[in-house]
Amino acid sequence: MSHALILLAHGSRDPRWQAPFAALADTLGQRLTTPLRLAYMELCEPSLEASVAELAEAGITRIDILPLFFAAGRHLREDVPGQVAALERRHPELRLSLLAPVGEHPAFVEALTTIIHERARSS
């Protein structure tokens, strides 16, 4: 089974907002062996739908979707699960998994702690 990861951000029409997400995806893509795509829930491209379709066409059969959100608000409780369900109907050959948002992962707290300590030492 081929596996891939989609990083899912909210989306914005502002290219300055999009730039850090593209840089993150590029850096992670160089460090991971798993195929990785960046997708946006709304307002800019590529969409989640387009990214899933591209990976399915490439022969991927399992896709984890990692929301780059701090917490599961309405978008992650309702909108994104609805998108994922529609994608599962459109691509029955795929196994899609919507992961918890990065902000809920214990490693995220550790990363923030490191950043805060580094900033405190440099000031």
PDB file of N, CA and C in Angstrom:
ATOM      1  N   MET A   1       0.845  -1.182   0.000  1.00  0.00           N
ATOM      2  CA  MET A   1       0.000   0.000   0.000  1.00  0.00           C
ATOM      3  C   MET A   1       0.886   1.239   0.000  1.00  0.00           C
ATOM      4  N   SER A   2       0.604   2.174  -0.870  1.00  0.00           N
ATOM      5  CA  SER A   2       1.329   3.438  -0.930  1.00  0.00           C
ATOM      6  C   SER A   2       0.684   4.432   0.020  1.00  0.00           C
ATOM      7  N   HIS A   3       1.520   5.158   0.730  1.00  0.00           N
ATOM      8  CA  HIS A   3       1.055   6.073   1.755  1.00  0.00           C
ATOM      9  C   HIS A   3       1.559   7.480   1.458  1.00  0.00           C
ATOM     10  N   ALA A   4       0.746   8.492   1.743  1.00  0.00           N
ATOM     11  CA  ALA A   4       1.142   9.890   1.585  1.00  0.00           C
ATOM     12  C   ALA A   4       0.571  10.707   2.732  1.00  0.00           C
ATOM     13  N   LEU A   5       1.077  11.915   2.856  1.00  0.00           N
ATOM     14  CA  LEU A   5       0.636  12.844   3.896  1.00  0.00           C
ATOM     15  C   LEU A   5       0.249  14.159   3.247  1.00  0.00           C
ATOM     16  N   ILE A   6      -0.899  14.676   3.656  1.00  0.00           N
ATOM     17  CA  ILE A   6      -1.316  16.017   3.237  1.00  0.00           C
ATOM     18  C   ILE A   6      -1.317  16.900   4.469  1.00  0.00           C
ATOM     19  N   LEU A   7      -0.585  18.017   4.390  1.00  0.00           N
ATOM     20  CA  LEU A   7      -0.658  19.051   5.411  1.00  0.00           C
ATOM     21  C   LEU A   7      -1.800  19.970   5.009  1.00  0.00           C
ATOM     22  N   LEU A   8      -2.756  20.147   5.897  1.00  0.00           N
ATOM     23  CA  LEU A   8      -3.939  20.942   5.576  1.00  0.00           C
ATOM     24  C   LEU A   8      -3.950  22.227   6.383  1.00  0.00           C
ATOM     25  N   ALA A   9      -3.877  23.351   5.678  1.00  0.00           N
ATOM     26  CA  ALA A   9      -3.978  24.657   6.308  1.00  0.00           C
ATOM     27  C   ALA A   9      -5.331  25.270   5.959  1.00  0.00           C
ATOM     28  N   HIS A  10      -5.707  26.306   6.686  1.00  0.00           N
ATOM     29  CA  HIS A  10      -7.002  26.940   6.454  1.00  0.00           C
ATOM     30  C   HIS A  10      -7.082  27.537   5.066  1.00  0.00           C
ATOM     31  N   GLY A  11      -6.163  28.435   4.755  1.00  0.00           N
ATOM     32  CA  GLY A  11      -6.166  29.105   3.462  1.00  0.00           C
ATOM     33  C   GLY A  11      -6.394  30.595   3.618  1.00  0.00           C
ATOM     34  N   SER A  12      -5.804  31.357   2.706  1.00  0.00           N
ATOM     35  CA  SER A  12      -5.945  32.807   2.682  1.00  0.00           C
ATOM     36  C   SER A  12      -5.613  33.273   1.274  1.00  0.00           C
ATOM     37  N   ARG A  13      -6.201  34.374   0.879  1.00  0.00           N
ATOM     38  CA  ARG A  13      -5.872  34.940  -0.434  1.00  0.00           C
ATOM     39  C   ARG A  13      -4.534  35.685  -0.408  1.00  0.00           C
ATOM     40  N   ASP A  14      -4.004  35.949   0.776  1.00  0.00           N
ATOM     41  CA  ASP A  14      -2.771  36.708   0.950  1.00  0.00           C
ATOM     42  C   ASP A  14      -1.554  35.803   0.750  1.00  0.00           C
ATOM     43  N   PRO A  15      -0.755  36.037  -0.286  1.00  0.00           N
ATOM     44  CA  PRO A  15       0.420  35.197  -0.527  1.00  0.00           C
ATOM     45  C   PRO A  15       1.431  35.246   0.621  1.00  0.00           C
ATOM     46  N   ARG A  16       1.469  36.366   1.365  1.00  0.00           N
ATOM     47  CA  ARG A  16       2.374  36.445   2.517  1.00  0.00           C
ATOM     48  C   ARG A  16       1.945  35.471   3.604  1.00  0.00           C
ATOM     49  N   TRP A  17       0.652  35.232   3.741  1.00  0.00           N
ATOM     50  CA  TRP A  17       0.155  34.251   4.709  1.00  0.00           C
ATOM     51  C   TRP A  17       0.511  32.855   4.237  1.00  0.00           C
ATOM     52  N   GLN A  18       0.427  32.603   2.950  1.00  0.00           N
ATOM     53  CA  GLN A  18       0.682  31.282   2.391  1.00  0.00           C
ATOM     54  C   GLN A  18       2.163  30.887   2.440  1.00  0.00           C
ATOM     55  N   ALA A  19       3.068  31.862   2.368  1.00  0.00           N
ATOM     56  CA  ALA A  19       4.504  31.590   2.242  1.00  0.00           C
ATOM     57  C   ALA A  19       5.074  30.698   3.344  1.00  0.00           C
ATOM     58  N   PRO A  20       4.780  30.925   4.630  1.00  0.00           N
ATOM     59  CA  PRO A  20       5.349  30.041   5.659  1.00  0.00           C
ATOM     60  C   PRO A  20       4.866  28.596   5.539  1.00  0.00           C
ATOM     61  N   PHE A  21       3.655  28.404   5.073  1.00  0.00           N
ATOM     62  CA  PHE A  21       3.141  27.045   4.900  1.00  0.00           C
ATOM     63  C   PHE A  21       3.863  26.337   3.757  1.00  0.00           C
ATOM     64  N   ALA A  22       4.105  27.068   2.679  1.00  0.00           N
ATOM     65  CA  ALA A  22       4.848  26.487   1.553  1.00  0.00           C
ATOM     66  C   ALA A  22       6.273  26.145   1.984  1.00  0.00           C
ATOM     67  N   ALA A  23       6.896  27.029   2.768  1.00  0.00           N
ATOM     68  CA  ALA A  23       8.256  26.758   3.247  1.00  0.00           C
ATOM     69  C   ALA A  23       8.279  25.540   4.169  1.00  0.00           C
ATOM     70  N   LEU A  24       7.291  25.435   5.037  1.00  0.00           N
ATOM     71  CA  LEU A  24       7.195  24.275   5.934  1.00  0.00           C
ATOM     72  C   LEU A  24       7.045  22.990   5.125  1.00  0.00           C
ATOM     73  N   ALA A  25       6.171  23.002   4.144  1.00  0.00           N
ATOM     74  CA  ALA A  25       5.954  21.810   3.318  1.00  0.00           C
ATOM     75  C   ALA A  25       7.230  21.446   2.554  1.00  0.00           C
ATOM     76  N   ASP A  26       7.938  22.442   2.029  1.00  0.00           N
ATOM     77  CA  ASP A  26       9.187  22.165   1.315  1.00  0.00           C
ATOM     78  C   ASP A  26      10.216  21.533   2.249  1.00  0.00           C
ATOM     79  N   THR A  27      10.370  22.099   3.438  1.00  0.00           N
ATOM     80  CA  THR A  27      11.351  21.578   4.395  1.00  0.00           C
ATOM     81  C   THR A  27      10.991  20.165   4.830  1.00  0.00           C
ATOM     82  N   LEU A  28       9.732  19.951   5.178  1.00  0.00           N
ATOM     83  CA  LEU A  28       9.312  18.608   5.587  1.00  0.00           C
ATOM     84  C   LEU A  28       9.448  17.615   4.439  1.00  0.00           C
ATOM     85  N   GLY A  29       9.108  18.050   3.239  1.00  0.00           N
ATOM     86  CA  GLY A  29       9.221  17.178   2.078  1.00  0.00           C
ATOM     87  C   GLY A  29      10.644  16.692   1.844  1.00  0.00           C
ATOM     88  N   GLN A  30      11.627  17.515   2.197  1.00  0.00           N
ATOM     89  CA  GLN A  30      13.031  17.126   2.055  1.00  0.00           C
ATOM     90  C   GLN A  30      13.466  16.165   3.162  1.00  0.00           C
ATOM     91  N   ARG A  31      12.773  16.197   4.290  1.00  0.00           N
ATOM     92  CA  ARG A  31      13.171  15.372   5.440  1.00  0.00           C
ATOM     93  C   ARG A  31      12.413  14.051   5.538  1.00  0.00           C
ATOM     94  N   LEU A  32      11.267  13.962   4.907  1.00  0.00           N
ATOM     95  CA  LEU A  32      10.435  12.768   5.010  1.00  0.00           C
ATOM     96  C   LEU A  32      10.570  11.908   3.762  1.00  0.00           C
ATOM     97  N   THR A  33      10.380  10.616   3.940  1.00  0.00           N
ATOM     98  CA  THR A  33      10.371   9.722   2.780  1.00  0.00           C
ATOM     99  C   THR A  33       8.953   9.542   2.238  1.00  0.00           C
ATOM    100  N   THR A  34       7.967   9.864   3.044  1.00  0.00           N
ATOM    101  CA  THR A  34       6.565   9.771   2.640  1.00  0.00           C
ATOM    102  C   THR A  34       6.236  10.916   1.686  1.00  0.00           C
ATOM    103  N   PRO A  35       5.568  10.649   0.573  1.00  0.00           N
ATOM    104  CA  PRO A  35       5.134  11.752  -0.288  1.00  0.00           C
ATOM    105  C   PRO A  35       4.275  12.731   0.511  1.00  0.00           C
ATOM    106  N   LEU A  36       4.527  14.012   0.309  1.00  0.00           N
ATOM    107  CA  LEU A  36       3.861  15.050   1.088  1.00  0.00           C
ATOM    108  C   LEU A  36       3.293  16.109   0.161  1.00  0.00           C
ATOM    109  N   ARG A  37       2.107  16.562   0.471  1.00  0.00           N
ATOM    110  CA  ARG A  37       1.478  17.661  -0.263  1.00  0.00           C
ATOM    111  C   ARG A  37       0.947  18.670   0.752  1.00  0.00           C
ATOM    112  N   LEU A  38       0.870  19.904   0.324  1.00  0.00           N
ATOM    113  CA  LEU A  38       0.234  20.959   1.101  1.00  0.00           C
ATOM    114  C   LEU A  38      -1.085  21.269   0.428  1.00  0.00           C
ATOM    115  N   ALA A  39      -2.141  21.364   1.229  1.00  0.00           N
ATOM    116  CA  ALA A  39      -3.466  21.694   0.692  1.00  0.00           C
ATOM    117  C   ALA A  39      -4.116  22.721   1.606  1.00  0.00           C
ATOM    118  N   TYR A  40      -5.096  23.403   1.041  1.00  0.00           N
ATOM    119  CA  TYR A  40      -5.819  24.416   1.798  1.00  0.00           C
ATOM    120  C   TYR A  40      -7.297  24.075   1.816  1.00  0.00           C
ATOM    121  N   MET A  41      -7.911  24.358   2.945  1.00  0.00           N
ATOM    122  CA  MET A  41      -9.330  24.077   3.111  1.00  0.00           C
ATOM    123  C   MET A  41     -10.184  25.000   2.230  1.00  0.00           C
ATOM    124  N   GLU A  42      -9.747  26.259   2.110  1.00  0.00           N
ATOM    125  CA  GLU A  42     -10.515  27.222   1.314  1.00  0.00           C
ATOM    126  C   GLU A  42      -9.639  28.420   0.950  1.00  0.00           C
ATOM    127  N   LEU A  43     -10.114  29.230   0.070  1.00  0.00           N
ATOM    128  CA  LEU A  43      -9.563  30.536  -0.297  1.00  0.00           C
ATOM    129  C   LEU A  43      -8.314  30.523  -1.174  1.00  0.00           C
ATOM    130  N   CYS A  44      -7.637  29.398  -1.315  1.00  0.00           N
ATOM    131  CA  CYS A  44      -6.472  29.341  -2.203  1.00  0.00           C
ATOM    132  C   CYS A  44      -6.232  27.901  -2.628  1.00  0.00           C
ATOM    133  N   GLU A  45      -5.299  27.746  -3.529  1.00  0.00           N
ATOM    134  CA  GLU A  45      -4.992  26.434  -4.096  1.00  0.00           C
ATOM    135  C   GLU A  45      -3.595  25.992  -3.681  1.00  0.00           C
ATOM    136  N   PRO A  46      -3.366  24.708  -3.654  1.00  0.00           N
ATOM    137  CA  PRO A  46      -4.260  23.627  -4.062  1.00  0.00           C
ATOM    138  C   PRO A  46      -5.267  23.281  -2.970  1.00  0.00           C
ATOM    139  N   SER A  47      -6.420  22.891  -3.393  1.00  0.00           N
ATOM    140  CA  SER A  47      -7.470  22.472  -2.466  1.00  0.00           C
ATOM    141  C   SER A  47      -7.192  21.054  -1.977  1.00  0.00           C
ATOM    142  N   LEU A  48      -7.881  20.686  -0.922  1.00  0.00           N
ATOM    143  CA  LEU A  48      -7.783  19.316  -0.424  1.00  0.00           C
ATOM    144  C   LEU A  48      -8.224  18.344  -1.518  1.00  0.00           C
ATOM    145  N   GLU A  49      -9.291  18.686  -2.213  1.00  0.00           N
ATOM    146  CA  GLU A  49      -9.812  17.824  -3.273  1.00  0.00           C
ATOM    147  C   GLU A  49      -8.784  17.620  -4.382  1.00  0.00           C
ATOM    148  N   ALA A  50      -8.124  18.703  -4.803  1.00  0.00           N
ATOM    149  CA  ALA A  50      -7.128  18.601  -5.875  1.00  0.00           C
ATOM    150  C   ALA A  50      -5.922  17.778  -5.429  1.00  0.00           C
ATOM    151  N   SER A  51      -5.500  17.959  -4.185  1.00  0.00           N
ATOM    152  CA  SER A  51      -4.344  17.208  -3.682  1.00  0.00           C
ATOM    153  C   SER A  51      -4.652  15.723  -3.572  1.00  0.00           C
ATOM    154  N   VAL A  52      -5.839  15.389  -3.082  1.00  0.00           N
ATOM    155  CA  VAL A  52      -6.239  13.982  -2.990  1.00  0.00           C
ATOM    156  C   VAL A  52      -6.311  13.366  -4.388  1.00  0.00           C
ATOM    157  N   ALA A  53      -6.900  14.074  -5.327  1.00  0.00           N
ATOM    158  CA  ALA A  53      -7.013  13.554  -6.697  1.00  0.00           C
ATOM    159  C   ALA A  53      -5.636  13.322  -7.311  1.00  0.00           C
ATOM    160  N   GLU A  54      -4.708  14.243  -7.083  1.00  0.00           N
ATOM    161  CA  GLU A  54      -3.345  14.094  -7.613  1.00  0.00           C
ATOM    162  C   GLU A  54      -2.664  12.858  -7.031  1.00  0.00           C
ATOM    163  N   LEU A  55      -2.795  12.671  -5.724  1.00  0.00           N
ATOM    164  CA  LEU A  55      -2.169  11.508  -5.084  1.00  0.00           C
ATOM    165  C   LEU A  55      -2.825  10.204  -5.533  1.00  0.00           C
ATOM    166  N   ALA A  56      -4.146  10.205  -5.671  1.00  0.00           N
ATOM    167  CA  ALA A  56      -4.849   9.004  -6.138  1.00  0.00           C
ATOM    168  C   ALA A  56      -4.389   8.641  -7.543  1.00  0.00           C
ATOM    169  N   GLU A  57      -4.234   9.645  -8.387  1.00  0.00           N
ATOM    170  CA  GLU A  57      -3.778   9.403  -9.761  1.00  0.00           C
ATOM    171  C   GLU A  57      -2.356   8.846  -9.780  1.00  0.00           C
ATOM    172  N   ALA A  58      -1.560   9.188  -8.763  1.00  0.00           N
ATOM    173  CA  ALA A  58      -0.183   8.696  -8.678  1.00  0.00           C
ATOM    174  C   ALA A  58      -0.106   7.291  -8.083  1.00  0.00           C
ATOM    175  N   GLY A  59      -1.264   6.713  -7.727  1.00  0.00           N
ATOM    176  CA  GLY A  59      -1.279   5.355  -7.208  1.00  0.00           C
ATOM    177  C   GLY A  59      -1.248   5.238  -5.696  1.00  0.00           C
ATOM    178  N   ILE A  60      -1.351   6.357  -5.002  1.00  0.00           N
ATOM    179  CA  ILE A  60      -1.398   6.332  -3.538  1.00  0.00           C
ATOM    180  C   ILE A  60      -2.735   5.724  -3.125  1.00  0.00           C
ATOM    181  N   THR A  61      -2.701   4.884  -2.088  1.00  0.00           N
ATOM    182  CA  THR A  61      -3.940   4.251  -1.621  1.00  0.00           C
ATOM    183  C   THR A  61      -4.310   4.635  -0.189  1.00  0.00           C
ATOM    184  N   ARG A  62      -3.364   5.238   0.533  1.00  0.00           N
ATOM    185  CA  ARG A  62      -3.640   5.655   1.915  1.00  0.00           C
ATOM    186  C   ARG A  62      -3.092   7.067   2.117  1.00  0.00           C
ATOM    187  N   ILE A  63      -3.952   7.955   2.621  1.00  0.00           N
ATOM    188  CA  ILE A  63      -3.551   9.348   2.824  1.00  0.00           C
ATOM    189  C   ILE A  63      -3.933   9.775   4.232  1.00  0.00           C
ATOM    190  N   ASP A  64      -2.936  10.251   4.977  1.00  0.00           N
ATOM    191  CA  ASP A  64      -3.187  10.891   6.264  1.00  0.00           C
ATOM    192  C   ASP A  64      -3.270  12.385   6.012  1.00  0.00           C
ATOM    193  N   ILE A  65      -4.237  13.026   6.643  1.00  0.00           N
ATOM    194  CA  ILE A  65      -4.427  14.468   6.501  1.00  0.00           C
ATOM    195  C   ILE A  65      -4.144  15.092   7.859  1.00  0.00           C
ATOM    196  N   LEU A  66      -3.082  15.900   7.930  1.00  0.00           N
ATOM    197  CA  LEU A  66      -2.656  16.523   9.180  1.00  0.00           C
ATOM    198  C   LEU A  66      -3.035  17.998   9.161  1.00  0.00           C
ATOM    199  N   PRO A  67      -4.039  18.388   9.941  1.00  0.00           N
ATOM    200  CA  PRO A  67      -4.439  19.793   9.985  1.00  0.00           C
ATOM    201  C   PRO A  67      -3.396  20.650  10.709  1.00  0.00           C
ATOM    202  N   LEU A  68      -2.975  21.708  10.051  1.00  0.00           N
ATOM    203  CA  LEU A  68      -2.043  22.653  10.656  1.00  0.00           C
ATOM    204  C   LEU A  68      -2.849  23.718  11.404  1.00  0.00           C
ATOM    205  N   PHE A  69      -3.591  23.248  12.372  1.00  0.00           N
ATOM    206  CA  PHE A  69      -4.464  24.081  13.202  1.00  0.00           C
ATOM    207  C   PHE A  69      -4.059  23.856  14.658  1.00  0.00           C
ATOM    208  N   PHE A  70      -4.315  24.844  15.520  1.00  0.00           N
ATOM    209  CA  PHE A  70      -4.029  24.667  16.945  1.00  0.00           C
ATOM    210  C   PHE A  70      -5.049  23.767  17.628  1.00  0.00           C
ATOM    211  N   ALA A  71      -6.296  23.856  17.210  1.00  0.00           N
ATOM    212  CA  ALA A  71      -7.363  23.105  17.881  1.00  0.00           C
ATOM    213  C   ALA A  71      -8.458  22.770  16.876  1.00  0.00           C
ATOM    214  N   ALA A  72      -9.325  21.869  17.281  1.00  0.00           N
ATOM    215  CA  ALA A  72     -10.433  21.440  16.418  1.00  0.00           C
ATOM    216  C   ALA A  72     -11.652  22.316  16.676  1.00  0.00           C
ATOM    217  N   GLY A  73     -11.783  23.374  15.914  1.00  0.00           N
ATOM    218  CA  GLY A  73     -12.979  24.206  15.954  1.00  0.00           C
ATOM    219  C   GLY A  73     -13.993  23.682  14.948  1.00  0.00           C
ATOM    220  N   ARG A  74     -14.910  24.551  14.556  1.00  0.00           N
ATOM    221  CA  ARG A  74     -15.987  24.143  13.656  1.00  0.00           C
ATOM    222  C   ARG A  74     -15.458  23.563  12.351  1.00  0.00           C
ATOM    223  N   HIS A  75     -14.411  24.176  11.799  1.00  0.00           N
ATOM    224  CA  HIS A  75     -13.871  23.660  10.531  1.00  0.00           C
ATOM    225  C   HIS A  75     -13.444  22.196  10.663  1.00  0.00           C
ATOM    226  N   LEU A  76     -12.738  21.873  11.746  1.00  0.00           N
ATOM    227  CA  LEU A  76     -12.237  20.498  11.886  1.00  0.00           C
ATOM    228  C   LEU A  76     -13.269  19.543  12.465  1.00  0.00           C
ATOM    229  N   ARG A  77     -14.306  20.062  13.096  1.00  0.00           N
ATOM    230  CA  ARG A  77     -15.364  19.187  13.602  1.00  0.00           C
ATOM    231  C   ARG A  77     -16.436  18.927  12.550  1.00  0.00           C
ATOM    232  N   GLU A  78     -16.650  19.880  11.630  1.00  0.00           N
ATOM    233  CA  GLU A  78     -17.748  19.743  10.666  1.00  0.00           C
ATOM    234  C   GLU A  78     -17.296  19.824   9.207  1.00  0.00           C
ATOM    235  N   ASP A  79     -16.666  20.946   8.839  1.00  0.00           N
ATOM    236  CA  ASP A  79     -16.363  21.201   7.427  1.00  0.00           C
ATOM    237  C   ASP A  79     -15.392  20.178   6.830  1.00  0.00           C
ATOM    238  N   VAL A  80     -14.251  20.003   7.471  1.00  0.00           N
ATOM    239  CA  VAL A  80     -13.240  19.100   6.914  1.00  0.00           C
ATOM    240  C   VAL A  80     -13.718  17.647   6.931  1.00  0.00           C
ATOM    241  N   PRO A  81     -14.333  17.158   8.026  1.00  0.00           N
ATOM    242  CA  PRO A  81     -14.862  15.789   7.944  1.00  0.00           C
ATOM    243  C   PRO A  81     -15.873  15.615   6.811  1.00  0.00           C
ATOM    244  N   GLY A  82     -16.654  16.652   6.524  1.00  0.00           N
ATOM    245  CA  GLY A  82     -17.583  16.593   5.390  1.00  0.00           C
ATOM    246  C   GLY A  82     -16.837  16.502   4.070  1.00  0.00           C
ATOM    247  N   GLN A  83     -15.752  17.273   3.934  1.00  0.00           N
ATOM    248  CA  GLN A  83     -14.928  17.196   2.723  1.00  0.00           C
ATOM    249  C   GLN A  83     -14.318  15.806   2.579  1.00  0.00           C
ATOM    250  N   VAL A  84     -13.815  15.265   3.689  1.00  0.00           N
ATOM    251  CA  VAL A  84     -13.177  13.944   3.654  1.00  0.00           C
ATOM    252  C   VAL A  84     -14.198  12.876   3.276  1.00  0.00           C
ATOM    253  N   ALA A  85     -15.405  12.949   3.833  1.00  0.00           N
ATOM    254  CA  ALA A  85     -16.447  11.972   3.500  1.00  0.00           C
ATOM    255  C   ALA A  85     -16.792  12.034   2.014  1.00  0.00           C
ATOM    256  N   ALA A  86     -16.886  13.247   1.472  1.00  0.00           N
ATOM    257  CA  ALA A  86     -17.175  13.390   0.039  1.00  0.00           C
ATOM    258  C   ALA A  86     -16.029  12.825  -0.803  1.00  0.00           C
ATOM    259  N   LEU A  87     -14.798  13.029  -0.352  1.00  0.00           N
ATOM    260  CA  LEU A  87     -13.645  12.494  -1.074  1.00  0.00           C
ATOM    261  C   LEU A  87     -13.606  10.973  -1.024  1.00  0.00           C
ATOM    262  N   GLU A  88     -14.011  10.399   0.094  1.00  0.00           N
ATOM    263  CA  GLU A  88     -14.069   8.934   0.206  1.00  0.00           C
ATOM    264  C   GLU A  88     -15.105   8.354  -0.746  1.00  0.00           C
ATOM    265  N   ARG A  89     -16.211   9.070  -0.938  1.00  0.00           N
ATOM    266  CA  ARG A  89     -17.223   8.604  -1.890  1.00  0.00           C
ATOM    267  C   ARG A  89     -16.700   8.720  -3.321  1.00  0.00           C
ATOM    268  N   ARG A  90     -15.959   9.787  -3.595  1.00  0.00           N
ATOM    269  CA  ARG A  90     -15.413  10.024  -4.929  1.00  0.00           C
ATOM    270  C   ARG A  90     -14.240   9.099  -5.243  1.00  0.00           C
ATOM    271  N   HIS A  91     -13.514   8.692  -4.202  1.00  0.00           N
ATOM    272  CA  HIS A  91     -12.315   7.845  -4.367  1.00  0.00           C
ATOM    273  C   HIS A  91     -12.409   6.644  -3.423  1.00  0.00           C
ATOM    274  N   PRO A  92     -13.285   5.685  -3.728  1.00  0.00           N
ATOM    275  CA  PRO A  92     -13.457   4.548  -2.807  1.00  0.00           C
ATOM    276  C   PRO A  92     -12.209   3.674  -2.672  1.00  0.00           C
ATOM    277  N   GLU A  93     -11.252   3.840  -3.574  1.00  0.00           N
ATOM    278  CA  GLU A  93     -10.010   3.052  -3.507  1.00  0.00           C
ATOM    279  C   GLU A  93      -9.044   3.606  -2.450  1.00  0.00           C
ATOM    280  N   LEU A  94      -9.339   4.790  -1.930  1.00  0.00           N
ATOM    281  CA  LEU A  94      -8.450   5.433  -0.966  1.00  0.00           C
ATOM    282  C   LEU A  94      -8.891   5.197   0.476  1.00  0.00           C
ATOM    283  N   ARG A  95      -7.919   5.131   1.345  1.00  0.00           N
ATOM    284  CA  ARG A  95      -8.180   5.148   2.787  1.00  0.00           C
ATOM    285  C   ARG A  95      -7.675   6.490   3.304  1.00  0.00           C
ATOM    286  N   LEU A  96      -8.606   7.356   3.667  1.00  0.00           N
ATOM    287  CA  LEU A  96      -8.270   8.691   4.152  1.00  0.00           C
ATOM    288  C   LEU A  96      -8.418   8.735   5.668  1.00  0.00           C
ATOM    289  N   SER A  97      -7.427   9.328   6.328  1.00  0.00           N
ATOM    290  CA  SER A  97      -7.476   9.479   7.787  1.00  0.00           C
ATOM    291  C   SER A  97      -7.249  10.940   8.135  1.00  0.00           C
ATOM    292  N   LEU A  98      -8.217  11.529   8.821  1.00  0.00           N
ATOM    293  CA  LEU A  98      -8.079  12.895   9.306  1.00  0.00           C
ATOM    294  C   LEU A  98      -7.472  12.826  10.703  1.00  0.00           C
ATOM    295  N   LEU A  99      -6.259  13.313  10.832  1.00  0.00           N
ATOM    296  CA  LEU A  99      -5.547  13.272  12.098  1.00  0.00           C
ATOM    297  C   LEU A  99      -5.959  14.443  12.989  1.00  0.00           C
ATOM    298  N   ALA A 100      -5.613  14.367  14.253  1.00  0.00           N
ATOM    299  CA  ALA A 100      -5.853  15.481  15.177  1.00  0.00           C
ATOM    300  C   ALA A 100      -4.982  16.663  14.755  1.00  0.00           C
ATOM    301  N   PRO A 101      -5.430  17.882  15.040  1.00  0.00           N
ATOM    302  CA  PRO A 101      -4.628  19.049  14.660  1.00  0.00           C
ATOM    303  C   PRO A 101      -3.285  19.064  15.392  1.00  0.00           C
ATOM    304  N   VAL A 102      -2.288  19.661  14.757  1.00  0.00           N
ATOM    305  CA  VAL A 102      -0.942  19.672  15.331  1.00  0.00           C
ATOM    306  C   VAL A 102      -0.907  20.294  16.721  1.00  0.00           C
ATOM    307  N   GLY A 103      -1.753  21.261  16.966  1.00  0.00           N
ATOM    308  CA  GLY A 103      -1.765  21.928  18.266  1.00  0.00           C
ATOM    309  C   GLY A 103      -2.153  21.027  19.421  1.00  0.00           C
ATOM    310  N   GLU A 104      -2.761  19.902  19.141  1.00  0.00           N
ATOM    311  CA  GLU A 104      -3.163  18.973  20.195  1.00  0.00           C
ATOM    312  C   GLU A 104      -2.108  17.899  20.466  1.00  0.00           C
ATOM    313  N   HIS A 105      -1.025  17.892  19.706  1.00  0.00           N
ATOM    314  CA  HIS A 105      -0.001  16.871  19.881  1.00  0.00           C
ATOM    315  C   HIS A 105       0.982  17.294  20.977  1.00  0.00           C
ATOM    316  N   PRO A 106       1.339  16.384  21.890  1.00  0.00           N
ATOM    317  CA  PRO A 106       2.285  16.737  22.960  1.00  0.00           C
ATOM    318  C   PRO A 106       3.611  17.288  22.439  1.00  0.00           C
ATOM    319  N   ALA A 107       4.067  16.842  21.284  1.00  0.00           N
ATOM    320  CA  ALA A 107       5.327  17.339  20.734  1.00  0.00           C
ATOM    321  C   ALA A 107       5.232  18.813  20.359  1.00  0.00           C
ATOM    322  N   PHE A 108       4.035  19.288  20.060  1.00  0.00           N
ATOM    323  CA  PHE A 108       3.849  20.697  19.727  1.00  0.00           C
ATOM    324  C   PHE A 108       4.131  21.559  20.949  1.00  0.00           C
ATOM    325  N   VAL A 109       3.660  21.133  22.102  1.00  0.00           N
ATOM    326  CA  VAL A 109       3.921  21.860  23.344  1.00  0.00           C
ATOM    327  C   VAL A 109       5.424  21.891  23.618  1.00  0.00           C
ATOM    328  N   GLU A 110       6.091  20.768  23.387  1.00  0.00           N
ATOM    329  CA  GLU A 110       7.541  20.712  23.588  1.00  0.00           C
ATOM    330  C   GLU A 110       8.257  21.677  22.644  1.00  0.00           C
ATOM    331  N   ALA A 111       7.826  21.735  21.399  1.00  0.00           N
ATOM    332  CA  ALA A 111       8.442  22.652  20.436  1.00  0.00           C
ATOM    333  C   ALA A 111       8.237  24.103  20.876  1.00  0.00           C
ATOM    334  N   LEU A 112       7.039  24.445  21.326  1.00  0.00           N
ATOM    335  CA  LEU A 112       6.789  25.806  21.803  1.00  0.00           C
ATOM    336  C   LEU A 112       7.632  26.125  23.025  1.00  0.00           C
ATOM    337  N   THR A 113       7.780  25.173  23.918  1.00  0.00           N
ATOM    338  CA  THR A 113       8.612  25.375  25.100  1.00  0.00           C
ATOM    339  C   THR A 113      10.050  25.677  24.693  1.00  0.00           C
ATOM    340  N   THR A 114      10.566  24.941  23.730  1.00  0.00           N
ATOM    341  CA  THR A 114      11.926  25.178  23.236  1.00  0.00           C
ATOM    342  C   THR A 114      12.049  26.582  22.651  1.00  0.00           C
ATOM    343  N   ILE A 115      11.089  26.985  21.853  1.00  0.00           N
ATOM    344  CA  ILE A 115      11.100  28.324  21.242  1.00  0.00           C
ATOM    345  C   ILE A 115      11.088  29.399  22.327  1.00  0.00           C
ATOM    346  N   ILE A 116      10.238  29.243  23.313  1.00  0.00           N
ATOM    347  CA  ILE A 116      10.123  30.236  24.389  1.00  0.00           C
ATOM    348  C   ILE A 116      11.429  30.334  25.174  1.00  0.00           C
ATOM    349  N   HIS A 117      12.028  29.194  25.503  1.00  0.00           N
ATOM    350  CA  HIS A 117      13.299  29.200  26.232  1.00  0.00           C
ATOM    351  C   HIS A 117      14.409  29.844  25.400  1.00  0.00           C
ATOM    352  N   GLU A 118      14.449  29.557  24.117  1.00  0.00           N
ATOM    353  CA  GLU A 118      15.475  30.166  23.258  1.00  0.00           C
ATOM    354  C   GLU A 118      15.302  31.675  23.180  1.00  0.00           C
ATOM    355  N   ARG A 119      14.065  32.140  23.078  1.00  0.00           N
ATOM    356  CA  ARG A 119      13.793  33.581  23.002  1.00  0.00           C
ATOM    357  C   ARG A 119      14.171  34.263  24.315  1.00  0.00           C
ATOM    358  N   ALA A 120      13.897  33.584  25.436  1.00  0.00           N
ATOM    359  CA  ALA A 120      14.220  34.171  26.738  1.00  0.00           C
ATOM    360  C   ALA A 120      15.734  34.299  26.902  1.00  0.00           C
ATOM    361  N   ARG A 121      16.497  33.325  26.423  1.00  0.00           N
ATOM    362  CA  ARG A 121      17.964  33.366  26.542  1.00  0.00           C
ATOM    363  C   ARG A 121      18.567  34.440  25.651  1.00  0.00           C
ATOM    364  N   SER A 122      17.924  34.717  24.508  1.00  0.00           N
ATOM    365  CA  SER A 122      18.497  35.677  23.568  1.00  0.00           C
ATOM    366  C   SER A 122      18.104  37.123  23.881  1.00  0.00           C
ATOM    367  N   SER A 123      17.230  37.322  24.838  1.00  0.00           N
ATOM    368  CA  SER A 123      16.815  38.718  25.122  1.00  0.00           C
ATOM    369  C   SER A 123      17.459  39.277  26.362  1.00  0.00           C
TER     370      SER A 123
END
